[in-house]
Amino acid sequence: MGQGLEPGMEIGGFTLRERMHAGSMASLWSVGRAGDATPLVMKLPRVRDGDDPAAIVGFEVEQMILPRLSGPHVPRFVAAAGFDAPQPFIVMELVDSPTLRARLDDAPLPAAEVAALGARVAEALHDLHRQHVSHLDLKPSQVLWRPGGEAVLIDYGLSRHDRLPDLLAEEFRLPMGTGPYISPEQVRGVRDDPRSDLFALGVMLYHLATGERPFGFPQTVQGLRKRLWRDALPPRAHVPDLPPWLQEVILGCLEVDPARRWQTAAQVALLLRHPEQVPLGPRADKRGRDGLRTRWKRWFRAIGHEAEAATPVQRHLAAAPIVMVAVDLSNGVDPLAEALRETTRRVIQAEPSARLACVSVLKVARIAIDSTVDASGRNLHVQGLADLAHWSRALGLPAERVTHHVLEAPDAAAAIVEYATTNQVDHVLMGARASSSLRRYLGSVSSQVVAAAPCTVTVVRVPGRAEVAIEPVREETPADVPP
């Protein structure tokens, strides 16, 4: 997918014109549509053997969020196709301008220009937050400009909508973001705090004002974790004549504790537009980092957060229960998959406010490297998502009530239990195939889940199938999920 594309090709009723960008996760093409003169851009995910599954999930996240956004500070959504289509894509309006990244080459910029640029970005952030979205990957390359000067924020693959499922948090444990801009709370796995975007804005302002990144460019989680206790060197240590009010605003965005930051993007925009209203405090005159005692306290609190990680992370969950269905589609929609779907339908009907998470498990080796494509060259992760989408479509649920997840793991039962535990699932549905002597000896995936899951588990069998039916003896793999 996303490869072998040429100008003139038609995808979903849009004609490819020119490739504008080819990144590691997606390519961007200018496209046209018959009878429509609006400049449009199509994003096409790159799905190849060995690609990061987070890129696939991020593309799904953007497909969920972008259609729900409106206003001058976001690109207008036009159309999309999911991974169950021959070619997934997102089409949006083309905002044809350089990104804010181009201005970094001229840094340090005059204080007035830094403030003007920052105020426009802060205004766009405030509009985004009012629409229940935290960007969580804000950086200069994600900021474009309309002809009237309004900032446009793009790329919502890592974003969080507080009224939609957080697919990234559900499937991945590592911090999500771009190293120089990720906030301390994101390092800890917190993805529901819009003040994280203010931290990223502070990093951008710092870079524009000084020509330096406040935290460098960390490449490891260990490097990111220093952000939990170490503050930035004050901007005036780099540029002594920087106005105190601008340092006050920047450091107010970069506080380690989000409770000590400016609390809204609207407040930051107001201060940047009216420097005379900036309340000058000790931050305005700082020339060095916080003392050892303060850093030690932060470090101690960070260790405390590590201790708490052993229990399920407390997140802002919807009041509706979460129902997880683990379905095996390796044999297509066979009788067991149909029986599981019918049971799922009855459970969902009994819980009209429930949210459904459809899950399958893709086998990966513990040590060796598995191929992630099948004999036809199709990406197995993407194919799994498409199969789940086809399976769930017959349930007739609206898009906001159902999500699809392919878990990559060597142990299917452990992956299912971890997903249920981490995401506070209320009810697990899964299938069980006929017994065999090997399964009785080793223990089936379903029996392991029943024993270890922290919630109710319903195991479905095909009606009329004998419990003692004999299968050929073979090793149990995630292709047998449910077993």
Protein backbone atom coordinates (compact mmCIF):
# COMPACT_ATOMS: atom_id res chain seq x y z
CA MET A 1 0.00 0.00 0.00
CA GLY A 2 1.22 3.48 -0.81
CA GLN A 3 3.84 2.07 -3.20
CA GLY A 4 3.93 1.94 -7.00
CA LEU A 5 1.85 5.10 -7.25
CA GLU A 6 2.07 7.29 -10.33
CA PRO A 7 0.55 10.63 -11.38
CA GLY A 8 -2.73 10.06 -13.13
CA MET A 9 -3.78 7.08 -11.04
CA GLU A 10 -7.25 7.25 -9.52
CA ILE A 11 -7.91 6.34 -5.89
CA GLY A 12 -11.36 6.59 -4.36
CA GLY A 13 -12.55 9.03 -7.01
CA PHE A 14 -9.48 11.28 -6.69
CA THR A 15 -6.73 11.62 -9.31
CA LEU A 16 -3.10 11.70 -8.18
CA ARG A 17 -1.28 14.74 -9.56
CA GLU A 18 2.10 15.22 -7.88
CA ARG A 19 3.85 13.61 -4.95
CA MET A 20 4.57 16.36 -2.44
CA HIS A 21 6.29 14.40 0.30
CA ALA A 22 7.50 10.85 0.93
CA GLY A 23 8.03 10.12 4.62
CA SER A 24 8.74 6.99 6.58
CA MET A 25 5.09 6.64 7.64
CA ALA A 26 3.09 8.23 4.82
CA SER A 27 3.30 9.95 1.48
CA LEU A 28 1.43 13.10 0.50
CA TRP A 29 0.03 13.68 -2.99
CA SER A 30 -1.76 16.64 -4.48
CA VAL A 31 -5.00 15.30 -5.92
CA GLY A 32 -7.98 16.50 -7.88
CA ARG A 33 -11.61 15.48 -8.20
CA ALA A 34 -13.88 15.93 -11.19
CA GLY A 35 -15.92 19.11 -10.88
CA ASP A 36 -14.01 20.33 -7.82
CA ALA A 37 -11.37 23.07 -8.17
CA THR A 38 -10.42 23.02 -4.47
CA PRO A 39 -6.71 22.26 -3.90
CA LEU A 40 -6.61 18.91 -2.11
CA VAL A 41 -3.95 16.69 -0.60
CA MET A 42 -4.14 12.93 -0.07
CA LYS A 43 -2.25 11.15 2.72
CA LEU A 44 -1.37 7.53 1.93
CA PRO A 45 0.13 5.32 4.67
CA ARG A 46 3.29 3.38 3.92
CA VAL A 47 2.72 -0.22 4.92
CA ARG A 48 5.71 -2.47 4.38
CA ASP A 49 7.32 -5.50 5.99
CA GLY A 50 8.87 -4.41 9.29
CA ASP A 51 7.00 -1.10 9.58
CA ASP A 52 6.12 0.15 13.06
CA PRO A 53 2.53 -0.91 13.94
CA ALA A 54 2.14 2.44 15.72
CA ALA A 55 2.17 4.12 12.31
CA ILE A 56 -0.81 2.00 11.25
CA VAL A 57 -2.73 2.76 14.45
CA GLY A 58 -1.82 6.44 14.16
CA PHE A 59 -3.34 6.54 10.69
CA GLU A 60 -6.55 5.09 12.15
CA VAL A 61 -6.48 7.73 14.90
CA GLU A 62 -6.24 10.54 12.36
CA GLN A 63 -9.12 9.04 10.39
CA MET A 64 -11.22 9.12 13.57
CA ILE A 65 -10.33 12.63 14.71
CA LEU A 66 -9.94 14.78 11.59
CA PRO A 67 -13.59 14.51 10.41
CA ARG A 68 -14.70 15.83 13.82
CA LEU A 69 -12.63 19.01 13.61
CA SER A 70 -13.67 22.29 12.05
CA GLY A 71 -12.63 25.92 11.84
CA PRO A 72 -9.75 27.88 10.34
CA HIS A 73 -7.04 26.22 12.46
CA VAL A 74 -7.39 22.70 11.03
CA PRO A 75 -7.34 21.41 7.44
CA ARG A 76 -10.85 20.72 6.18
CA PHE A 77 -11.57 17.00 5.98
CA VAL A 78 -12.85 15.77 2.59
CA ALA A 79 -12.85 11.96 2.46
CA ALA A 80 -11.18 8.82 3.79
CA ALA A 81 -10.94 5.07 3.28
CA GLY A 82 -9.89 2.57 5.93
CA PHE A 83 -7.62 -0.46 5.86
CA ASP A 84 -10.50 -2.62 4.63
CA ALA A 85 -10.35 -0.72 1.32
CA PRO A 86 -7.90 -1.58 -1.50
CA GLN A 87 -5.96 1.59 -0.62
CA PRO A 88 -6.44 3.47 2.67
CA PHE A 89 -6.22 7.26 2.43
CA ILE A 90 -7.24 10.58 3.92
CA VAL A 91 -8.09 13.55 1.70
CA MET A 92 -8.13 17.07 3.10
CA GLU A 93 -7.80 20.61 1.86
CA LEU A 94 -4.31 21.64 0.79
CA VAL A 95 -2.96 24.50 2.93
CA ASP A 96 -0.13 25.60 0.68
CA SER A 97 2.44 27.36 2.84
CA PRO A 98 5.85 26.77 4.41
CA THR A 99 5.77 25.27 7.90
CA LEU A 100 6.99 27.03 11.02
CA ARG A 101 10.06 24.80 10.74
CA ALA A 102 11.48 27.18 8.12
CA ARG A 103 11.72 29.99 10.69
CA LEU A 104 14.00 27.95 12.95
CA ASP A 105 16.81 28.41 10.44
CA ASP A 106 16.76 32.14 11.23
CA ALA A 107 16.66 31.76 15.02
CA PRO A 108 17.17 33.52 17.32
CA LEU A 109 14.38 35.80 16.14
CA PRO A 110 13.45 39.21 17.59
CA ALA A 111 11.23 38.95 20.66
CA ALA A 112 8.30 40.65 18.93
CA GLU A 113 8.36 38.12 16.09
CA VAL A 114 8.61 35.18 18.51
CA ALA A 115 5.60 36.53 20.38
CA ALA A 116 3.57 37.08 17.21
CA LEU A 117 4.25 33.57 15.90
CA GLY A 118 3.62 32.01 19.29
CA ALA A 119 0.34 33.85 19.81
CA ARG A 120 -1.05 32.53 16.54
CA VAL A 121 -0.08 28.96 17.41
CA ALA A 122 -1.54 29.33 20.91
CA GLU A 123 -4.81 30.59 19.43
CA ALA A 124 -4.97 27.53 17.18
CA LEU A 125 -4.27 25.25 20.15
CA HIS A 126 -7.06 26.85 22.16
CA ASP A 127 -9.50 26.22 19.31
CA LEU A 128 -8.34 22.60 19.11
CA HIS A 129 -8.72 22.08 22.87
CA ARG A 130 -12.25 23.48 22.76
CA GLN A 131 -13.03 20.69 20.31
CA HIS A 132 -11.93 18.08 22.90
CA VAL A 133 -8.60 17.29 21.22
CA SER A 134 -5.05 17.42 22.57
CA HIS A 135 -2.56 17.35 19.70
CA LEU A 136 0.29 15.62 21.63
CA ASP A 137 2.78 15.89 18.76
CA LEU A 138 2.97 19.64 18.26
CA LYS A 139 6.21 20.77 16.58
CA PRO A 140 7.20 23.39 13.99
CA SER A 141 6.74 21.03 11.03
CA GLN A 142 3.07 20.56 12.04
CA VAL A 143 2.24 24.28 11.81
CA LEU A 144 1.12 25.86 8.53
CA TRP A 145 -0.29 29.32 7.79
CA ARG A 146 -3.39 30.53 6.00
CA PRO A 147 -3.15 33.65 3.79
CA GLY A 148 -4.83 35.64 6.56
CA GLY A 149 -2.13 34.63 9.03
CA GLU A 150 -4.06 31.99 11.04
CA ALA A 151 -2.02 29.00 12.17
CA VAL A 152 -3.19 25.60 10.90
CA LEU A 153 -2.26 22.51 12.92
CA ILE A 154 -1.82 19.28 10.98
CA ASP A 155 -1.11 15.58 11.58
CA TYR A 156 -3.34 14.07 14.27
CA GLY A 157 -1.88 10.57 14.31
CA LEU A 158 -0.78 10.84 17.96
CA SER A 159 -3.66 12.99 19.16
CA ARG A 160 -6.23 12.30 21.86
CA HIS A 161 -9.94 13.08 21.58
CA ASP A 162 -11.50 12.91 25.03
CA ARG A 163 -14.77 11.57 23.61
CA LEU A 164 -13.23 8.84 21.44
CA PRO A 165 -11.23 5.70 22.23
CA ASP A 166 -7.49 6.26 22.66
CA LEU A 167 -6.18 3.50 20.39
CA LEU A 168 -2.52 4.36 20.97
CA ALA A 169 -2.78 4.18 24.75
CA GLU A 170 -4.66 0.90 24.48
CA GLU A 171 -2.08 -0.85 22.31
CA PHE A 172 1.32 0.67 23.18
CA ARG A 173 3.17 1.29 26.43
CA LEU A 174 6.09 3.48 25.29
CA PRO A 175 5.85 7.30 25.33
CA MET A 176 4.37 8.72 22.14
CA GLY A 177 5.64 11.99 20.72
CA THR A 178 8.70 13.69 19.23
CA GLY A 179 11.73 13.75 21.53
CA PRO A 180 12.44 17.49 21.83
CA TYR A 181 8.76 18.40 22.37
CA ILE A 182 7.29 15.62 24.50
CA SER A 183 6.06 16.72 27.93
CA PRO A 184 7.03 15.11 31.26
CA GLU A 185 3.54 13.72 31.76
CA GLN A 186 3.61 12.12 28.30
CA VAL A 187 6.83 10.38 29.33
CA ARG A 188 4.79 8.86 32.17
CA GLY A 189 2.09 7.75 29.73
CA VAL A 190 -0.47 10.48 30.47
CA ARG A 191 -2.32 11.36 27.26
CA ASP A 192 -5.36 13.28 28.45
CA ASP A 193 -3.85 16.60 29.57
CA PRO A 194 -4.09 19.50 27.07
CA ARG A 195 -1.33 21.28 29.01
CA SER A 196 1.08 18.87 27.29
CA ASP A 197 0.55 20.97 24.16
CA LEU A 198 1.55 24.09 26.10
CA PHE A 199 4.83 22.40 27.00
CA ALA A 200 5.49 21.70 23.30
CA LEU A 201 4.59 25.31 22.50
CA GLY A 202 7.14 26.42 25.11
CA VAL A 203 9.82 24.31 23.42
CA MET A 204 9.03 25.98 20.09
CA LEU A 205 9.11 29.47 21.61
CA TYR A 206 12.42 28.67 23.34
CA HIS A 207 13.97 27.50 20.05
CA LEU A 208 12.71 30.53 18.12
CA ALA A 209 13.99 32.91 20.81
CA THR A 210 17.41 31.34 21.41
CA GLY A 211 18.27 29.12 18.45
CA GLU A 212 18.67 26.22 20.91
CA ARG A 213 16.44 23.33 21.97
CA PRO A 214 15.80 23.43 25.73
CA PHE A 215 16.18 19.66 26.15
CA GLY A 216 18.32 18.71 23.16
CA PHE A 217 17.18 15.79 21.02
CA PRO A 218 16.90 12.70 23.28
CA GLN A 219 16.87 9.40 21.41
CA THR A 220 16.01 7.00 24.25
CA VAL A 221 13.34 6.61 26.92
CA GLN A 222 16.08 7.04 29.53
CA GLY A 223 16.96 10.39 27.99
CA LEU A 224 13.30 11.43 27.98
CA ARG A 225 12.88 10.48 31.64
CA LYS A 226 15.34 13.18 32.69
CA ARG A 227 12.54 15.58 31.81
CA LEU A 228 10.66 14.37 34.90
CA TRP A 229 13.08 16.18 37.19
CA ARG A 230 15.36 18.43 35.14
CA ASP A 231 14.17 21.86 34.02
CA ALA A 232 15.42 23.87 31.05
CA LEU A 233 18.28 26.34 31.19
CA PRO A 234 16.54 29.76 31.16
CA PRO A 235 16.47 31.39 27.71
CA ARG A 236 18.30 34.49 28.98
CA ALA A 237 21.33 32.31 29.70
CA HIS A 238 21.60 32.00 25.91
CA VAL A 239 20.33 35.47 24.94
CA PRO A 240 21.03 37.90 27.82
CA ASP A 241 19.01 40.74 26.31
CA LEU A 242 15.86 38.64 25.89
CA PRO A 243 12.98 40.57 27.54
CA PRO A 244 12.11 39.23 31.00
CA TRP A 245 8.43 39.00 30.05
CA LEU A 246 9.21 36.60 27.20
CA GLN A 247 11.31 34.39 29.46
CA GLU A 248 8.43 34.41 31.97
CA VAL A 249 6.02 33.18 29.29
CA ILE A 250 8.40 30.53 27.93
CA LEU A 251 9.34 29.10 31.32
CA GLY A 252 5.68 29.19 32.32
CA CYS A 253 5.04 26.77 29.48
CA LEU A 254 8.02 24.56 30.34
CA GLU A 255 7.29 23.87 34.00
CA VAL A 256 7.89 20.21 34.84
CA ASP A 257 4.67 20.08 36.87
CA PRO A 258 1.69 20.87 34.58
CA ALA A 259 -0.12 22.44 37.56
CA ARG A 260 2.57 25.19 37.56
CA ARG A 261 2.25 25.96 33.84
CA TRP A 262 -0.06 28.46 32.23
CA GLN A 263 -3.33 26.57 32.30
CA THR A 264 -4.80 27.36 28.88
CA ALA A 265 -3.51 28.17 25.43
CA ALA A 266 -5.83 31.20 25.40
CA GLN A 267 -3.96 32.58 28.40
CA VAL A 268 -0.61 32.14 26.62
CA ALA A 269 -1.94 33.86 23.49
CA LEU A 270 -3.16 36.80 25.58
CA LEU A 271 0.20 37.21 27.33
CA LEU A 272 2.17 37.05 24.09
CA ARG A 273 -0.06 39.70 22.52
CA HIS A 274 0.07 41.96 25.59
CA PRO A 275 3.55 41.76 27.12
CA GLU A 276 2.66 44.53 29.55
CA GLN A 277 0.17 42.14 31.18
CA VAL A 278 2.72 39.38 31.84
CA PRO A 279 3.03 38.96 35.63
CA LEU A 280 6.78 38.98 36.23
CA GLY A 281 7.94 36.57 38.92
CA PRO A 282 11.17 34.77 39.83
CA ARG A 283 11.14 32.97 36.47
CA ALA A 284 11.66 36.25 34.61
CA ASP A 285 15.16 36.76 36.09
CA LYS A 286 16.38 33.18 36.32
CA ARG A 287 19.83 32.56 34.82
CA GLY A 288 20.36 28.94 35.85
CA ARG A 289 18.48 25.70 36.36
CA ASP A 290 16.63 24.83 39.55
CA GLY A 291 18.75 23.77 42.50
CA LEU A 292 19.72 20.26 43.49
CA ARG A 293 17.08 20.08 46.22
CA THR A 294 14.24 20.83 43.78
CA ARG A 295 15.57 18.36 41.23
CA TRP A 296 15.94 15.73 43.94
CA LYS A 297 12.29 16.16 44.96
CA ARG A 298 11.19 15.76 41.35
CA TRP A 299 13.36 12.69 40.95
CA PHE A 300 11.83 11.15 44.08
CA ARG A 301 8.32 11.82 42.75
CA ALA A 302 9.31 10.25 39.43
CA ILE A 303 10.40 7.09 41.24
CA GLY A 304 7.03 7.10 42.95
CA HIS A 305 5.32 7.10 39.56
CA GLU A 306 7.37 4.06 38.58
CA ALA A 307 6.11 2.20 41.65
CA GLU A 308 2.51 3.00 40.72
CA ALA A 309 2.98 1.58 37.23
CA ALA A 310 2.51 -1.96 38.57
CA THR A 311 -1.24 -1.34 38.87
CA PRO A 312 -3.59 -0.54 35.97
CA VAL A 313 -3.21 3.05 34.86
CA GLN A 314 -6.15 5.20 35.95
CA ARG A 315 -7.55 6.89 32.88
CA HIS A 316 -10.54 8.98 32.06
CA LEU A 317 -12.84 6.28 30.76
CA ALA A 318 -16.31 6.69 29.40
CA ALA A 319 -19.13 5.67 31.68
CA ALA A 320 -20.10 2.94 29.20
CA PRO A 321 -18.66 -0.55 29.80
CA ILE A 322 -15.93 -1.86 27.53
CA VAL A 323 -16.60 -5.21 25.89
CA MET A 324 -13.61 -6.93 24.29
CA VAL A 325 -14.10 -9.71 21.74
CA ALA A 326 -11.05 -11.83 20.83
CA VAL A 327 -11.80 -13.32 17.44
CA ASP A 328 -9.84 -15.73 15.24
CA LEU A 329 -10.33 -15.03 11.53
CA SER A 330 -7.45 -17.14 10.25
CA ASN A 331 -10.05 -19.48 8.70
CA GLY A 332 -12.27 -16.67 7.53
CA VAL A 333 -15.71 -16.14 9.01
CA ASP A 334 -16.18 -19.80 9.95
CA PRO A 335 -18.95 -21.21 12.20
CA LEU A 336 -17.06 -20.31 15.39
CA ALA A 337 -16.54 -16.70 14.25
CA GLU A 338 -20.23 -16.50 13.35
CA ALA A 339 -21.27 -17.91 16.74
CA LEU A 340 -18.99 -15.42 18.49
CA ARG A 341 -20.48 -12.57 16.48
CA GLU A 342 -24.01 -13.62 17.42
CA THR A 343 -23.07 -13.74 21.12
CA THR A 344 -21.42 -10.33 20.77
CA ARG A 345 -24.62 -8.97 19.21
CA ARG A 346 -26.69 -10.17 22.18
CA VAL A 347 -24.25 -8.69 24.72
CA ILE A 348 -24.15 -5.33 22.94
CA GLN A 349 -27.94 -5.24 22.70
CA ALA A 350 -28.13 -5.82 26.45
CA GLU A 351 -25.61 -2.98 27.02
CA PRO A 352 -26.74 -0.23 24.63
CA SER A 353 -24.05 2.17 25.85
CA ALA A 354 -21.20 -0.35 25.64
CA ARG A 355 -18.12 0.16 23.53
CA LEU A 356 -16.76 -2.84 21.59
CA ALA A 357 -13.04 -3.55 21.12
CA CYS A 358 -12.46 -6.23 18.46
CA VAL A 359 -9.07 -7.90 18.94
CA SER A 360 -6.98 -10.52 17.19
CA VAL A 361 -3.44 -11.69 17.99
CA LEU A 362 -0.64 -11.88 15.43
CA LYS A 363 2.11 -14.37 16.27
CA VAL A 364 5.62 -12.94 16.66
CA ALA A 365 8.71 -14.88 17.66
CA ARG A 366 10.24 -14.32 21.08
CA ILE A 367 13.77 -14.05 19.67
CA ALA A 368 13.83 -14.58 15.89
CA ILE A 369 12.47 -11.98 13.48
CA ASP A 370 9.16 -12.95 11.86
CA SER A 371 8.08 -11.79 8.43
CA THR A 372 5.15 -9.40 8.71
CA VAL A 373 3.83 -10.09 5.21
CA ASP A 374 2.07 -13.13 3.78
CA ALA A 375 2.99 -15.07 0.64
CA SER A 376 1.21 -12.46 -1.48
CA GLY A 377 3.16 -9.59 0.08
CA ARG A 378 0.21 -8.25 2.11
CA ASN A 379 1.04 -6.74 5.49
CA LEU A 380 -0.37 -9.12 8.12
CA HIS A 381 -1.15 -6.36 10.62
CA VAL A 382 -3.12 -4.40 8.06
CA GLN A 383 -4.84 -7.54 6.79
CA GLY A 384 -5.85 -8.37 10.36
CA LEU A 385 -7.40 -4.93 10.80
CA ALA A 386 -9.32 -5.29 7.53
CA ASP A 387 -10.60 -8.76 8.51
CA LEU A 388 -11.79 -7.47 11.89
CA ALA A 389 -13.55 -4.52 10.24
CA HIS A 390 -15.38 -6.89 7.85
CA TRP A 391 -16.34 -9.20 10.72
CA SER A 392 -17.74 -6.40 12.90
CA ARG A 393 -19.60 -4.59 10.14
CA ALA A 394 -22.56 -6.98 10.41
CA LEU A 395 -23.08 -5.84 14.02
CA GLY A 396 -24.26 -2.48 12.68
CA LEU A 397 -22.53 -0.41 15.35
CA PRO A 398 -21.69 3.27 14.74
CA ALA A 399 -17.99 3.95 14.21
CA GLU A 400 -17.52 5.66 17.58
CA ARG A 401 -18.64 2.51 19.42
CA VAL A 402 -16.32 -0.06 17.85
CA THR A 403 -12.54 -0.23 17.46
CA HIS A 404 -10.21 -2.84 15.95
CA HIS A 405 -6.84 -3.96 17.32
CA VAL A 406 -4.20 -6.41 16.14
CA LEU A 407 -1.93 -7.34 19.05
CA GLU A 408 1.55 -8.58 18.14
CA ALA A 409 2.80 -11.01 20.78
CA PRO A 410 4.41 -14.46 21.20
CA ASP A 411 1.82 -15.47 23.85
CA ALA A 412 -1.80 -15.01 22.79
CA ALA A 413 -3.37 -15.54 26.21
CA ALA A 414 -0.94 -13.12 27.89
CA ALA A 415 -1.61 -10.49 25.22
CA ILE A 416 -5.38 -10.75 25.68
CA VAL A 417 -5.12 -10.57 29.47
CA GLU A 418 -2.71 -7.61 29.31
CA TYR A 419 -5.03 -5.74 26.97
CA ALA A 420 -8.04 -6.43 29.22
CA THR A 421 -6.12 -5.41 32.34
CA THR A 422 -4.49 -2.27 30.98
CA ASN A 423 -7.67 -0.96 29.37
CA GLN A 424 -10.01 -1.83 32.23
CA VAL A 425 -12.15 -4.10 30.07
CA ASP A 426 -15.40 -5.14 31.74
CA HIS A 427 -16.22 -8.26 29.72
CA VAL A 428 -14.15 -10.50 27.44
CA LEU A 429 -15.81 -12.63 24.76
CA MET A 430 -13.80 -15.32 22.97
CA GLY A 431 -14.27 -18.61 21.20
CA ALA A 432 -13.07 -22.12 21.95
CA ARG A 433 -12.57 -24.80 19.36
CA ALA A 434 -13.06 -28.51 19.96
CA SER A 435 -10.79 -30.15 22.50
CA SER A 436 -7.70 -32.23 21.82
CA SER A 437 -5.45 -34.21 24.12
CA LEU A 438 -2.63 -31.73 23.54
CA ARG A 439 -4.86 -28.78 24.44
CA ARG A 440 -6.07 -30.49 27.59
CA TYR A 441 -2.45 -31.15 28.56
CA LEU A 442 -1.04 -27.71 27.80
CA GLY A 443 -4.12 -25.64 28.57
CA SER A 444 -6.01 -23.72 25.91
CA VAL A 445 -5.76 -19.99 25.35
CA SER A 446 -9.36 -19.57 26.52
CA SER A 447 -8.74 -21.45 29.79
CA GLN A 448 -5.66 -19.31 30.48
CA VAL A 449 -7.65 -16.14 29.88
CA VAL A 450 -10.49 -17.35 32.11
CA ALA A 451 -7.97 -18.02 34.89
CA ALA A 452 -6.04 -14.74 34.61
CA ALA A 453 -8.40 -12.05 33.29
CA PRO A 454 -9.50 -9.38 35.83
CA CYS A 455 -13.07 -9.34 34.51
CA THR A 456 -15.94 -11.52 33.31
CA VAL A 457 -15.00 -13.90 30.48
CA THR A 458 -17.57 -15.60 28.24
CA VAL A 459 -16.29 -18.55 26.18
CA VAL A 460 -18.32 -19.42 23.08
CA ARG A 461 -18.44 -22.78 21.32
CA VAL A 462 -20.14 -23.71 18.08
CA PRO A 463 -23.60 -25.11 18.89
CA GLY A 464 -23.86 -28.84 18.38
CA ARG A 465 -20.09 -29.44 18.38
CA ALA A 466 -19.09 -32.22 20.76
CA GLU A 467 -16.77 -31.25 23.62
CA VAL A 468 -14.69 -34.38 22.99
CA ALA A 469 -14.18 -33.91 19.27
CA ILE A 470 -10.59 -34.70 18.27
CA GLU A 471 -8.44 -32.31 16.26
CA PRO A 472 -5.07 -33.11 14.66
CA VAL A 473 -2.31 -32.63 17.21
CA ARG A 474 -0.49 -29.38 16.48
CA GLU A 475 1.21 -26.57 18.34
CA GLU A 476 -1.16 -23.88 19.59
CA THR A 477 -0.43 -20.48 18.02
CA PRO A 478 -2.20 -17.12 17.91
CA ALA A 479 -3.85 -18.40 14.73
CA ASP A 480 -5.94 -20.43 17.20
CA VAL A 481 -7.24 -17.34 19.03
CA PRO A 482 -9.86 -17.93 20.21
CA PRO A 483 -8.69 -21.58 20.68
